[in-house]
Amino acid sequence: MKEVLLAMLAIVGSGQHGYMPAFPATGRCVLRHGRVSVPGQVYLLTTTTYRRQRLFVAPARARIASGVIHSATTWGDASLFAWVLMPDHWHGLLQLGNEPLARVINRFKANVTRALHASSVTNQRVWDRSFHDHALRADEDVRRIARYIVANPIRAGLAKSALDYSYWNAIWLDREVPPML
């Protein structure tokens, strides 16, 4: 038995993994591997700044990024329903057009980065490479999720009301129903 174990260790040490079980890969790459872009699907999206730096605490940076977010060219044929720019991340509610989701998000991040660099308010890396997406199910209420997104600054203690925070928008404003906390 001891000889068999030593032989297995020798094989493993030599780089031949005939007896070594294959362990599944972990990390963000595995999550992206199964990502599917469905035209017409509504996604709740989150992307963070590089190393969660609080880049958008600076009003000049937040205004420039907000201008890019408002631009229809940023989203191509996708429709942005609601969004909020937080100091170290961004949330959006987006209905995908015919472009893949990763292409739309990468264009958004590249456009924000280019605008910030061109205005000389920063020359550092802006976004983390990855992003999180959640495809909404048919039973999920889009407006409820939009209210959840725009209430993010309230939950974070940055504002007492969504109206006190400048860096968000939604395609509809439901004044009858307060944001969910």
C-alpha atoms as a PDB file:
ATOM      1  CA  MET A   1       0.000   0.000   0.000  1.00  0.00           C
ATOM      2  CA  LYS A   2       2.837   2.352   0.890  1.00  0.00           C
ATOM      3  CA  GLU A   3       4.447   1.737  -2.511  1.00  0.00           C
ATOM      4  CA  VAL A   4       1.182   2.603  -4.316  1.00  0.00           C
ATOM      5  CA  LEU A   5       0.885   5.901  -2.426  1.00  0.00           C
ATOM      6  CA  LEU A   6       4.503   6.772  -3.173  1.00  0.00           C
ATOM      7  CA  ALA A   7       3.939   5.982  -6.857  1.00  0.00           C
ATOM      8  CA  MET A   8       0.857   8.220  -6.915  1.00  0.00           C
ATOM      9  CA  LEU A   9       2.793  11.036  -5.253  1.00  0.00           C
ATOM     10  CA  ALA A  10       5.573  10.627  -7.799  1.00  0.00           C
ATOM     11  CA  ILE A  11       3.066  10.929 -10.649  1.00  0.00           C
ATOM     12  CA  VAL A  12       1.466  14.013  -9.086  1.00  0.00           C
ATOM     13  CA  GLY A  13       4.893  15.564  -8.470  1.00  0.00           C
ATOM     14  CA  SER A  14       5.912  14.933 -12.067  1.00  0.00           C
ATOM     15  CA  GLY A  15       2.992  16.910 -13.450  1.00  0.00           C
ATOM     16  CA  GLN A  16       1.188  13.831 -14.790  1.00  0.00           C
ATOM     17  CA  HIS A  17      -2.219  14.025 -13.191  1.00  0.00           C
ATOM     18  CA  GLY A  18      -3.577  10.648 -14.194  1.00  0.00           C
ATOM     19  CA  TYR A  19      -4.551   9.778 -10.627  1.00  0.00           C
ATOM     20  CA  MET A  20      -5.335  13.278  -9.381  1.00  0.00           C
ATOM     21  CA  PRO A  21      -9.028  14.140  -9.509  1.00  0.00           C
ATOM     22  CA  ALA A  22      -9.905  17.246 -11.492  1.00  0.00           C
ATOM     23  CA  PHE A  23     -11.273  19.938  -9.200  1.00  0.00           C
ATOM     24  CA  PRO A  24     -13.722  22.447 -10.656  1.00  0.00           C
ATOM     25  CA  ALA A  25     -12.346  25.875 -11.401  1.00  0.00           C
ATOM     26  CA  THR A  26     -13.404  28.639  -9.049  1.00  0.00           C
ATOM     27  CA  GLY A  27     -13.718  32.387  -9.166  1.00  0.00           C
ATOM     28  CA  ARG A  28     -15.242  34.947 -11.473  1.00  0.00           C
ATOM     29  CA  CYS A  29     -14.252  33.129 -14.671  1.00  0.00           C
ATOM     30  CA  VAL A  30     -16.537  30.254 -13.752  1.00  0.00           C
ATOM     31  CA  LEU A  31     -19.421  32.654 -13.154  1.00  0.00           C
ATOM     32  CA  ARG A  32     -18.916  34.306 -16.553  1.00  0.00           C
ATOM     33  CA  HIS A  33     -18.649  30.927 -18.295  1.00  0.00           C
ATOM     34  CA  GLY A  34     -22.390  30.309 -18.008  1.00  0.00           C
ATOM     35  CA  ARG A  35     -23.477  33.895 -18.693  1.00  0.00           C
ATOM     36  CA  VAL A  36     -26.136  34.101 -21.369  1.00  0.00           C
ATOM     37  CA  SER A  37     -27.327  37.282 -23.098  1.00  0.00           C
ATOM     38  CA  VAL A  38     -31.032  37.140 -23.881  1.00  0.00           C
ATOM     39  CA  PRO A  39     -32.389  39.918 -26.127  1.00  0.00           C
ATOM     40  CA  GLY A  40     -35.306  41.676 -24.417  1.00  0.00           C
ATOM     41  CA  GLN A  41     -34.319  40.335 -20.987  1.00  0.00           C
ATOM     42  CA  VAL A  42     -34.186  42.820 -18.090  1.00  0.00           C
ATOM     43  CA  TYR A  43     -31.050  42.595 -15.941  1.00  0.00           C
ATOM     44  CA  LEU A  44     -30.133  44.032 -12.565  1.00  0.00           C
ATOM     45  CA  LEU A  45     -26.457  44.937 -12.910  1.00  0.00           C
ATOM     46  CA  THR A  46     -23.691  45.883 -10.527  1.00  0.00           C
ATOM     47  CA  THR A  47     -20.115  46.825 -11.253  1.00  0.00           C
ATOM     48  CA  THR A  48     -17.546  48.111  -8.808  1.00  0.00           C
ATOM     49  CA  THR A  49     -14.708  50.554  -9.096  1.00  0.00           C
ATOM     50  CA  TYR A  50     -11.188  49.186  -9.211  1.00  0.00           C
ATOM     51  CA  ARG A  51     -10.283  47.926  -5.736  1.00  0.00           C
ATOM     52  CA  ARG A  52     -13.538  49.512  -4.494  1.00  0.00           C
ATOM     53  CA  GLN A  53     -11.920  52.948  -4.515  1.00  0.00           C
ATOM     54  CA  ARG A  54     -14.421  55.683  -3.705  1.00  0.00           C
ATOM     55  CA  LEU A  55     -13.778  57.532  -6.978  1.00  0.00           C
ATOM     56  CA  PHE A  56     -17.249  59.001  -7.309  1.00  0.00           C
ATOM     57  CA  VAL A  57     -17.201  60.799  -3.957  1.00  0.00           C
ATOM     58  CA  ALA A  58     -15.668  63.659  -5.956  1.00  0.00           C
ATOM     59  CA  PRO A  59     -18.596  65.594  -7.495  1.00  0.00           C
ATOM     60  CA  ALA A  60     -16.669  66.370 -10.703  1.00  0.00           C
ATOM     61  CA  ARG A  61     -16.074  62.668 -11.371  1.00  0.00           C
ATOM     62  CA  ALA A  62     -19.655  61.746 -10.493  1.00  0.00           C
ATOM     63  CA  ARG A  63     -21.065  64.453 -12.820  1.00  0.00           C
ATOM     64  CA  ILE A  64     -18.888  63.327 -15.727  1.00  0.00           C
ATOM     65  CA  ALA A  65     -19.827  59.677 -15.204  1.00  0.00           C
ATOM     66  CA  SER A  66     -23.512  60.602 -14.909  1.00  0.00           C
ATOM     67  CA  GLY A  67     -23.332  62.443 -18.220  1.00  0.00           C
ATOM     68  CA  VAL A  68     -21.980  59.313 -19.895  1.00  0.00           C
ATOM     69  CA  ILE A  69     -24.635  57.164 -18.237  1.00  0.00           C
ATOM     70  CA  HIS A  70     -27.375  59.498 -19.551  1.00  0.00           C
ATOM     71  CA  SER A  71     -26.051  59.303 -23.105  1.00  0.00           C
ATOM     72  CA  ALA A  72     -28.086  56.975 -25.325  1.00  0.00           C
ATOM     73  CA  THR A  73     -24.946  56.091 -27.320  1.00  0.00           C
ATOM     74  CA  THR A  74     -23.530  54.429 -24.214  1.00  0.00           C
ATOM     75  CA  TRP A  75     -26.232  51.761 -24.275  1.00  0.00           C
ATOM     76  CA  GLY A  76     -26.568  51.026 -27.999  1.00  0.00           C
ATOM     77  CA  ASP A  77     -29.882  49.264 -28.588  1.00  0.00           C
ATOM     78  CA  ALA A  78     -30.346  48.412 -24.891  1.00  0.00           C
ATOM     79  CA  SER A  79     -32.690  50.448 -22.661  1.00  0.00           C
ATOM     80  CA  LEU A  80     -31.521  51.699 -19.283  1.00  0.00           C
ATOM     81  CA  PHE A  81     -34.571  51.832 -16.969  1.00  0.00           C
ATOM     82  CA  ALA A  82     -32.932  52.971 -13.725  1.00  0.00           C
ATOM     83  CA  TRP A  83     -29.452  53.492 -12.301  1.00  0.00           C
ATOM     84  CA  VAL A  84     -27.520  54.865  -9.365  1.00  0.00           C
ATOM     85  CA  LEU A  85     -23.857  55.823  -9.171  1.00  0.00           C
ATOM     86  CA  MET A  86     -22.477  55.198  -5.701  1.00  0.00           C
ATOM     87  CA  PRO A  87     -19.005  56.259  -4.494  1.00  0.00           C
ATOM     88  CA  ASP A  88     -17.502  52.846  -5.281  1.00  0.00           C
ATOM     89  CA  HIS A  89     -19.998  51.065  -7.531  1.00  0.00           C
ATOM     90  CA  TRP A  90     -22.840  51.408 -10.025  1.00  0.00           C
ATOM     91  CA  HIS A  91     -26.221  49.648 -10.177  1.00  0.00           C
ATOM     92  CA  GLY A  92     -28.389  49.588 -13.261  1.00  0.00           C
ATOM     93  CA  LEU A  93     -31.620  48.078 -14.499  1.00  0.00           C
ATOM     94  CA  LEU A  94     -31.217  47.407 -18.190  1.00  0.00           C
ATOM     95  CA  GLN A  95     -33.298  45.754 -20.883  1.00  0.00           C
ATOM     96  CA  LEU A  96     -30.958  44.146 -23.351  1.00  0.00           C
ATOM     97  CA  GLY A  97     -31.261  44.754 -27.084  1.00  0.00           C
ATOM     98  CA  ASN A  98     -29.489  42.519 -29.607  1.00  0.00           C
ATOM     99  CA  GLU A  99     -25.933  43.107 -28.375  1.00  0.00           C
ATOM    100  CA  PRO A 100     -24.399  40.732 -25.835  1.00  0.00           C
ATOM    101  CA  LEU A 101     -24.612  41.960 -22.252  1.00  0.00           C
ATOM    102  CA  ALA A 102     -20.837  41.922 -21.754  1.00  0.00           C
ATOM    103  CA  ARG A 103     -20.346  44.188 -24.784  1.00  0.00           C
ATOM    104  CA  VAL A 104     -22.897  46.710 -23.486  1.00  0.00           C
ATOM    105  CA  ILE A 105     -21.346  46.801 -19.997  1.00  0.00           C
ATOM    106  CA  ASN A 106     -17.791  46.981 -21.348  1.00  0.00           C
ATOM    107  CA  ARG A 107     -18.774  49.924 -23.586  1.00  0.00           C
ATOM    108  CA  PHE A 108     -20.364  51.687 -20.593  1.00  0.00           C
ATOM    109  CA  LYS A 109     -17.231  51.218 -18.488  1.00  0.00           C
ATOM    110  CA  ALA A 110     -14.915  52.252 -21.341  1.00  0.00           C
ATOM    111  CA  ASN A 111     -16.965  55.379 -22.098  1.00  0.00           C
ATOM    112  CA  VAL A 112     -16.941  56.474 -18.451  1.00  0.00           C
ATOM    113  CA  THR A 113     -13.201  55.816 -18.195  1.00  0.00           C
ATOM    114  CA  ARG A 114     -12.439  57.743 -21.412  1.00  0.00           C
ATOM    115  CA  ALA A 115     -14.547  60.718 -20.309  1.00  0.00           C
ATOM    116  CA  LEU A 116     -12.855  60.851 -16.889  1.00  0.00           C
ATOM    117  CA  HIS A 117      -9.378  60.608 -18.412  1.00  0.00           C
ATOM    118  CA  ALA A 118     -10.154  63.204 -21.093  1.00  0.00           C
ATOM    119  CA  SER A 119     -11.343  65.674 -18.476  1.00  0.00           C
ATOM    120  CA  SER A 120      -8.179  65.110 -16.415  1.00  0.00           C
ATOM    121  CA  VAL A 121     -10.120  64.462 -13.196  1.00  0.00           C
ATOM    122  CA  THR A 122      -8.377  61.106 -12.919  1.00  0.00           C
ATOM    123  CA  ASN A 123      -5.815  59.108 -14.827  1.00  0.00           C
ATOM    124  CA  GLN A 124      -6.173  55.915 -12.813  1.00  0.00           C
ATOM    125  CA  ARG A 125      -7.983  52.687 -13.560  1.00  0.00           C
ATOM    126  CA  VAL A 126     -11.707  53.205 -12.922  1.00  0.00           C
ATOM    127  CA  TRP A 127     -13.575  49.885 -12.992  1.00  0.00           C
ATOM    128  CA  ASP A 128     -13.053  46.343 -11.825  1.00  0.00           C
ATOM    129  CA  ARG A 129     -12.968  43.928 -14.766  1.00  0.00           C
ATOM    130  CA  SER A 130     -16.038  41.950 -13.820  1.00  0.00           C
ATOM    131  CA  PHE A 131     -19.676  42.745 -13.181  1.00  0.00           C
ATOM    132  CA  HIS A 132     -22.598  40.984 -11.560  1.00  0.00           C
ATOM    133  CA  ASP A 133     -25.851  40.403 -13.403  1.00  0.00           C
ATOM    134  CA  HIS A 134     -29.204  39.027 -12.346  1.00  0.00           C
ATOM    135  CA  ALA A 135     -31.756  38.252 -15.039  1.00  0.00           C
ATOM    136  CA  LEU A 136     -35.154  39.233 -13.676  1.00  0.00           C
ATOM    137  CA  ARG A 137     -37.745  36.483 -13.548  1.00  0.00           C
ATOM    138  CA  ALA A 138     -41.212  37.044 -14.955  1.00  0.00           C
ATOM    139  CA  ASP A 139     -42.634  37.358 -11.428  1.00  0.00           C
ATOM    140  CA  GLU A 140     -40.196  40.104 -10.365  1.00  0.00           C
ATOM    141  CA  ASP A 141     -41.587  43.647 -10.378  1.00  0.00           C
ATOM    142  CA  VAL A 142     -39.327  45.925 -12.455  1.00  0.00           C
ATOM    143  CA  ARG A 143     -40.535  49.102 -10.712  1.00  0.00           C
ATOM    144  CA  ARG A 144     -39.930  47.623  -7.260  1.00  0.00           C
ATOM    145  CA  ILE A 145     -36.370  46.785  -8.257  1.00  0.00           C
ATOM    146  CA  ALA A 146     -35.917  50.270  -9.744  1.00  0.00           C
ATOM    147  CA  ARG A 147     -37.035  51.779  -6.432  1.00  0.00           C
ATOM    148  CA  TYR A 148     -34.601  49.485  -4.632  1.00  0.00           C
ATOM    149  CA  ILE A 149     -31.775  50.733  -6.882  1.00  0.00           C
ATOM    150  CA  VAL A 150     -32.471  54.444  -6.430  1.00  0.00           C
ATOM    151  CA  ALA A 151     -32.863  53.981  -2.660  1.00  0.00           C
ATOM    152  CA  ASN A 152     -29.299  52.660  -2.401  1.00  0.00           C
ATOM    153  CA  PRO A 153     -27.868  56.048  -1.277  1.00  0.00           C
ATOM    154  CA  ILE A 154     -30.470  56.200   1.501  1.00  0.00           C
ATOM    155  CA  ARG A 155     -29.558  52.746   2.784  1.00  0.00           C
ATOM    156  CA  ALA A 156     -25.861  53.686   2.588  1.00  0.00           C
ATOM    157  CA  GLY A 157     -26.467  56.819   4.683  1.00  0.00           C
ATOM    158  CA  LEU A 158     -25.491  59.205   1.867  1.00  0.00           C
ATOM    159  CA  ALA A 159     -28.902  60.879   1.716  1.00  0.00           C
ATOM    160  CA  LYS A 160     -32.158  61.074   3.661  1.00  0.00           C
ATOM    161  CA  SER A 161     -34.206  60.980   0.441  1.00  0.00           C
ATOM    162  CA  ALA A 162     -33.472  59.934  -3.128  1.00  0.00           C
ATOM    163  CA  LEU A 163     -34.137  63.544  -4.092  1.00  0.00           C
ATOM    164  CA  ASP A 164     -31.173  64.582  -1.911  1.00  0.00           C
ATOM    165  CA  TYR A 165     -28.796  62.466  -4.021  1.00  0.00           C
ATOM    166  CA  SER A 166     -27.836  63.688  -7.485  1.00  0.00           C
ATOM    167  CA  TYR A 167     -26.402  60.644  -9.237  1.00  0.00           C
ATOM    168  CA  TRP A 168     -29.348  58.468 -10.218  1.00  0.00           C
ATOM    169  CA  ASN A 169     -32.237  58.369 -12.641  1.00  0.00           C
ATOM    170  CA  ALA A 170     -35.188  56.243 -13.692  1.00  0.00           C
ATOM    171  CA  ILE A 171     -37.354  56.317 -16.797  1.00  0.00           C
ATOM    172  CA  TRP A 172     -40.400  56.779 -14.610  1.00  0.00           C
ATOM    173  CA  LEU A 173     -40.801  58.402 -11.247  1.00  0.00           C
ATOM    174  CA  ASP A 174     -43.476  56.965  -8.998  1.00  0.00           C
ATOM    175  CA  ARG A 175     -44.114  59.723  -6.470  1.00  0.00           C
ATOM    176  CA  GLU A 176     -46.967  57.760  -4.890  1.00  0.00           C
ATOM    177  CA  VAL A 177     -44.742  54.974  -3.592  1.00  0.00           C
ATOM    178  CA  PRO A 178     -41.665  55.864  -1.496  1.00  0.00           C
ATOM    179  CA  PRO A 179     -38.409  54.000  -2.226  1.00  0.00           C
ATOM    180  CA  MET A 180     -37.994  50.708  -0.387  1.00  0.00           C
ATOM    181  CA  LEU A 181     -35.485  50.844   2.446  1.00  0.00           C
END
